[in-house]
């Protein structure tokens, strides 16, 4: 490998100085090490989005709810979330600050608004960490030939969470390395395997994607309503790209690289998910049996499809790939949650802010915030051990809560545009930003309506669990905001998007 030339070293020094100057304009000093490249930042977002985790978790649900045409939700949600990612790209390009959702909402609107958006997002993110670790424990159990009893699942979930914590503790460079390995595992597990199934193991015709296979009977023959019910297939897949912005202060030249990493995460993640979902559908030996529930493995059909297509050795290799992917996803989730907590604490907006805002002088990571992002998911995992049905309930809340937080930022960006904001970062959509912002908000409202549709069990608590869970978290956060008034403890900037943009343009001029 060739050594860096004096010119390249000078260029890096200039870039680092520019990053530090940009951060100083926003009111902060450098506290992290900028050791994350574009590729590593993309890997972090991709392993958080994790098409392998999403497809494996919801493949059976999607087929049994909407049949093979449910694959089209990957296109619909992918396009909608790409609009959201473009809006986020303009924001992070002007505000490359650690924490993502919280600082963006604060600088676009205000402290109270940002408090509520971040409060909901943090809890949704922590619950997502628990869900991914719980789902991943099943792969660990299968890999080592263990029966997935509740106790075994709990132990392996805790092991997975602690292993991710240890890697995160070791520093951003190791986080980036493992995320890159996870990216390779994800691509092998979804793209290469998907292509192999599509080309060499196809047992069903492509026309099957236009065949509802009788799923419309659940809605009195109305397939439009049936198709809407399968939306979770896409909605669960396409978030995680925002994690690229959570570590903004650890990325070199973040104003340019993070928007690109977000867009890459959506595009590559969408293509990967499409190959994976389509490959499993076309390679399924008993597709009709999976959809109507008559197949022996209808509840978890992917291992059977792999066994039939790859043999026992091939299926075992895939398990190794899956374990690496789940570890990387958990790692990325912990990193994102810890940076959000750190950003919240740095602005003195949560209890224990002095303790949580500490950055390790040795590894330059928010070590105490990382502990919180590990311990609370472990506590939730213990609760799931005693009440197994709780996992699906808290997971449903997580998806809705994250989409609410996304749209809080999209709405704040549109409000600033109405007031005259013209994003001043290197990544800008120009006049098209208005159109993209409006489409992103309209898509988000549509997604939220789909997510709060009630179930059909007839039990109020179960049918409305998403809205109930969100209401509980929202009300608790609102009461804390009104009673404790954390916004009074913080003196950092808020609602300054227009002023900062003008200052940045003046500095360049």
Foldseek 3Di string as FASTA:
>chain_A
DDDDDPVVVVVLVVLVVVLQVLVVLQPDGQQFAQPAELLLLLLLLQLQLQLVLLCQVCLLVLCQQFNLLLLCLLVVLLVLVLLLLLLLLLQCLNVLAAQQLLVLLFALFHNVLSLLLLLLQLLLLLLVLLLLLLVLLVLVCVLVVHDPDLVSSLVSSLVLLVVLLVQVVQADVSLSVLSSVLSVLSCCLQVVLLVCLVPPQFPDDPCSSVPRLPSCVVVVNDSVVSSLLSSCSNLSNPDRLSLSSNPSSNHRSSSPSSSVSSSCSSVVSSVRSSSRSVSLCRNQPCSSCLNVVNDPCNVRCPLVSCCVRPNPVRSSVSSVSSSSSSSSNSSSSLQNSLSNQLVCLVQQQDPPSVLQVDADPVHRGSSVSSVVSRVVSSVVSVVCSVPVVVSVLSNLLSSLSNLVSSLSSLVSSQVVVVVPFARQGPSHPPPCSNVSSVSSNVSSVVVNVSSQQFDDPPDVCRRRSNVVVSVVSSVVSVVCCVPVVSVVVGDRDGNCRRVSNVVSVVVVD
